[in-house]
Amino acid sequence: MPDRIVSYRLADGETRHAEAPRSFFIPPRAEREALRPGDYAKLLFEVTNPEPSDPGAERMWVQVLGVSDGGYVGALVNTPRAITTVGLGDRVDFGPQHVIATPGDWPLLGKKAFVSRRCQDLDLRPRYLYREDPDNERDSGWRAMVGDESDDEINNPDNVLLQDLGFLLDRWPDLKPVLQTDPQNGEWFWNDDSETYVQGAPG
């Protein structure tokens, strides 16, 4: 059990935008009202009564499961770092006013990538990424791995997830320069010395 309970409330993105229109950006209202089951939205989970060591909020993605009374029913697709009252796969009820981003902000981020399950379940950095020709229209061609997978692990479909690139970038922002090379095929490795991704052979 966690040492203590860390609760949350959903921030009103429209209010945040109105308070800081030049620094807090949100998608147009029409886009936020047009989500459908299967779509994704980023919400701002504010920590209630935070302690000094707590973040003020966590930005996390949810997948829309249903639409009801002008709002949405979703499921959390990130693992919270501090909040304990909601977890991966849990239900989250929200409205258009709570949506602060969608994958549509960068079309590539709405496409799919094959991601090592350990990256998600154990919150491990993907230390090895590569891009190959996409399999279909929804496939980005990107593959993200912890980097020490065995052939048996990779060949077991239960060990690989199909995720939106937006989730990966949200958790690991330093992937952005790598993804910006799209549609170039190649391999990238995490370099501990430079704390960046480098293209080519591992350092």
Protein backbone atom coordinates (compact mmCIF):
# COMPACT_ATOMS: atom_id res chain seq x y z
CA MET A 1 0.00 0.00 0.00
CA PRO A 2 1.18 3.60 -0.60
CA ASP A 3 2.50 5.53 2.39
CA ARG A 4 -0.35 8.01 2.01
CA ILE A 5 -3.29 8.79 -0.21
CA VAL A 6 -2.64 11.39 -2.91
CA SER A 7 -5.89 12.58 -4.50
CA TYR A 8 -6.56 14.68 -7.56
CA ARG A 9 -9.05 16.94 -9.29
CA LEU A 10 -9.21 17.62 -13.01
CA ALA A 11 -8.07 21.10 -13.97
CA ASP A 12 -10.34 23.24 -16.12
CA GLY A 13 -8.20 23.80 -19.20
CA GLU A 14 -10.40 26.64 -20.43
CA THR A 15 -9.87 28.53 -17.18
CA ARG A 16 -6.13 27.89 -17.31
CA HIS A 17 -6.02 29.14 -20.90
CA ALA A 18 -8.02 32.26 -20.06
CA GLU A 19 -5.58 33.04 -17.24
CA ALA A 20 -2.48 32.51 -19.40
CA PRO A 21 -3.50 32.62 -23.08
CA ARG A 22 0.10 33.03 -24.31
CA SER A 23 1.57 30.10 -22.42
CA PHE A 24 -1.22 27.60 -21.71
CA PHE A 25 -2.57 26.35 -25.03
CA ILE A 26 -5.55 24.07 -25.60
CA PRO A 27 -7.20 22.71 -28.76
CA PRO A 28 -10.22 24.57 -30.21
CA ARG A 29 -13.53 23.94 -28.44
CA ALA A 30 -14.99 22.26 -31.55
CA GLU A 31 -12.15 19.71 -31.51
CA ARG A 32 -12.59 19.05 -27.80
CA GLU A 33 -16.33 18.50 -28.26
CA ALA A 34 -15.90 16.10 -31.19
CA LEU A 35 -14.06 13.23 -29.46
CA ARG A 36 -15.36 9.75 -30.13
CA PRO A 37 -14.77 6.32 -28.57
CA GLY A 38 -11.22 5.26 -29.32
CA ASP A 39 -9.88 8.84 -29.40
CA TYR A 40 -7.33 10.09 -26.90
CA ALA A 41 -7.15 13.25 -24.81
CA LYS A 42 -4.61 14.68 -22.42
CA LEU A 43 -5.94 15.94 -19.07
CA LEU A 44 -4.31 17.85 -16.23
CA PHE A 45 -4.68 15.99 -12.93
CA GLU A 46 -4.09 18.53 -10.15
CA VAL A 47 -2.81 17.12 -6.86
CA THR A 48 -5.06 18.13 -3.98
CA ASN A 49 -3.29 19.23 -0.79
CA PRO A 50 0.20 18.54 -2.19
CA GLU A 51 3.18 18.19 0.08
CA PRO A 52 6.50 19.88 -0.79
CA SER A 53 7.80 16.75 -2.51
CA ASP A 54 4.67 16.33 -4.64
CA PRO A 55 4.21 17.68 -8.17
CA GLY A 56 1.49 20.28 -8.48
CA ALA A 57 -0.16 18.22 -11.22
CA GLU A 58 0.34 15.33 -13.60
CA ARG A 59 -0.43 15.54 -17.32
CA MET A 60 -1.80 12.18 -18.44
CA TRP A 61 -3.64 10.65 -21.37
CA VAL A 62 -7.02 8.95 -21.33
CA GLN A 63 -8.74 6.94 -24.05
CA VAL A 64 -12.38 7.81 -24.69
CA LEU A 65 -14.65 4.83 -23.98
CA GLY A 66 -18.00 6.57 -24.34
CA VAL A 67 -19.83 9.86 -24.75
CA SER A 68 -22.54 10.86 -22.29
CA ASP A 69 -24.49 14.05 -21.51
CA GLY A 70 -21.99 16.35 -23.17
CA GLY A 71 -19.05 14.67 -21.44
CA TYR A 72 -16.84 11.64 -21.80
CA VAL A 73 -16.07 8.40 -20.03
CA GLY A 74 -12.43 7.46 -20.43
CA ALA A 75 -9.75 5.10 -19.19
CA LEU A 76 -6.35 6.26 -17.97
CA VAL A 77 -3.51 5.05 -20.19
CA ASN A 78 -0.59 6.43 -18.15
CA THR A 79 0.74 5.31 -14.79
CA PRO A 80 0.65 8.19 -12.27
CA ARG A 81 3.91 9.02 -10.56
CA ALA A 82 2.46 10.62 -7.42
CA ILE A 83 -1.33 10.32 -7.48
CA THR A 84 -2.60 7.15 -5.78
CA THR A 85 -6.38 7.40 -6.19
CA VAL A 86 -6.38 6.55 -9.90
CA GLY A 87 -4.27 4.09 -11.84
CA LEU A 88 -3.61 2.64 -15.27
CA GLY A 89 -6.89 1.51 -16.84
CA ASP A 90 -9.11 3.23 -14.26
CA ARG A 91 -12.23 5.12 -15.29
CA VAL A 92 -12.00 8.89 -15.62
CA ASP A 93 -15.07 11.07 -16.28
CA PHE A 94 -14.28 14.38 -17.95
CA GLY A 95 -15.68 17.09 -20.18
CA PRO A 96 -14.43 19.14 -23.13
CA GLN A 97 -13.26 21.82 -20.69
CA HIS A 98 -10.75 19.39 -19.19
CA VAL A 99 -9.03 18.47 -22.48
CA ILE A 100 -5.68 20.25 -22.80
CA ALA A 101 -4.30 18.36 -25.82
CA THR A 102 -5.11 15.72 -28.41
CA PRO A 103 -2.80 13.73 -30.70
CA GLY A 104 -4.19 15.82 -33.53
CA ASP A 105 -1.87 18.65 -32.46
CA TRP A 106 0.88 16.77 -34.36
CA PRO A 107 -0.62 14.21 -36.78
CA LEU A 108 2.30 11.82 -36.37
CA LEU A 109 1.54 11.46 -32.66
CA GLY A 110 -1.82 9.90 -33.45
CA LYS A 111 -0.16 7.05 -35.30
CA LYS A 112 0.78 3.79 -33.65
CA ALA A 113 4.14 2.48 -32.45
CA PHE A 114 5.17 -0.91 -31.16
CA VAL A 115 6.42 -0.41 -27.58
CA SER A 116 7.97 -2.85 -25.15
CA ARG A 117 5.46 -3.69 -22.44
CA ARG A 118 8.16 -3.17 -19.85
CA CYS A 119 8.44 0.47 -20.88
CA GLN A 120 4.81 0.93 -19.86
CA ASP A 121 4.44 -1.44 -16.92
CA LEU A 122 7.79 -0.67 -15.26
CA ASP A 123 8.10 2.93 -16.47
CA LEU A 124 11.44 2.18 -18.15
CA ARG A 125 13.01 4.52 -20.66
CA PRO A 126 13.05 3.13 -24.22
CA ARG A 127 16.80 3.02 -24.82
CA TYR A 128 16.57 1.69 -28.35
CA LEU A 129 14.29 3.04 -31.07
CA TYR A 130 14.13 2.33 -34.73
CA ARG A 131 11.92 3.27 -37.65
CA GLU A 132 11.08 1.01 -40.56
CA ASP A 133 8.60 1.34 -43.39
CA PRO A 134 5.10 1.42 -41.86
CA ASP A 135 2.89 -1.65 -42.19
CA ASN A 136 -0.26 0.37 -42.90
CA GLU A 137 -1.82 3.85 -42.71
CA ARG A 138 -2.16 3.78 -38.91
CA ASP A 139 1.35 2.48 -38.31
CA SER A 140 4.06 5.11 -37.75
CA GLY A 141 6.87 2.66 -38.43
CA TRP A 142 8.41 3.47 -35.02
CA ARG A 143 9.45 0.74 -32.57
CA ALA A 144 10.51 1.54 -28.99
CA MET A 145 12.33 -1.02 -26.87
CA VAL A 146 14.04 -1.12 -23.49
CA GLY A 147 17.08 -2.35 -25.37
CA ASP A 148 17.91 -5.60 -23.59
CA GLU A 149 15.04 -7.73 -24.90
CA SER A 150 15.74 -11.31 -25.85
CA ASP A 151 14.45 -12.79 -29.10
CA ASP A 152 11.92 -14.82 -27.10
CA GLU A 153 10.61 -11.69 -25.41
CA ILE A 154 10.26 -9.78 -28.65
CA ASN A 155 8.60 -12.69 -30.45
CA ASN A 156 5.90 -12.99 -27.78
CA PRO A 157 3.10 -10.58 -28.78
CA ASP A 158 2.05 -10.26 -25.13
CA ASN A 159 5.29 -8.38 -24.46
CA VAL A 160 4.68 -5.65 -27.03
CA LEU A 161 2.03 -2.92 -26.90
CA LEU A 162 0.54 -0.87 -29.72
CA GLN A 163 0.46 2.73 -28.51
CA ASP A 164 0.02 6.22 -29.90
CA LEU A 165 3.36 7.97 -30.32
CA GLY A 166 1.84 10.83 -28.35
CA PHE A 167 1.88 8.75 -25.16
CA LEU A 168 5.55 7.93 -25.62
CA LEU A 169 6.52 11.54 -26.26
CA ASP A 170 4.47 12.74 -23.29
CA ARG A 171 6.40 10.45 -20.93
CA TRP A 172 9.80 10.95 -22.58
CA PRO A 173 9.95 14.49 -24.07
CA ASP A 174 13.57 14.05 -25.15
CA LEU A 175 12.27 11.72 -27.89
CA LYS A 176 11.05 14.73 -29.86
CA PRO A 177 14.27 15.28 -31.89
CA VAL A 178 14.21 11.60 -32.80
CA LEU A 179 10.60 11.66 -33.96
CA GLN A 180 11.23 14.84 -35.91
CA THR A 181 13.48 12.81 -38.24
CA ASP A 182 10.34 11.04 -39.50
CA PRO A 183 9.95 9.67 -42.20
CA GLN A 184 13.66 8.76 -42.19
CA ASN A 185 14.32 5.13 -41.28
CA GLY A 186 17.12 4.33 -38.85
CA GLU A 187 18.18 3.38 -35.34
CA TRP A 188 18.62 5.56 -32.27
CA PHE A 189 20.19 4.67 -28.93
CA TRP A 190 20.10 6.41 -25.55
CA ASN A 191 23.54 7.69 -24.55
CA ASP A 192 24.05 7.95 -20.80
CA ASP A 193 27.01 10.34 -21.10
CA SER A 194 25.26 12.94 -23.22
CA GLU A 195 21.77 12.08 -21.91
CA THR A 196 20.44 12.24 -25.46
CA TYR A 197 19.44 9.87 -28.21
CA VAL A 198 22.12 9.33 -30.84
CA GLN A 199 21.71 7.78 -34.25
CA GLY A 200 23.72 4.74 -35.25
CA ALA A 201 25.58 2.23 -33.12
CA PRO A 202 25.14 2.29 -29.31
CA GLY A 203 27.70 4.33 -27.41
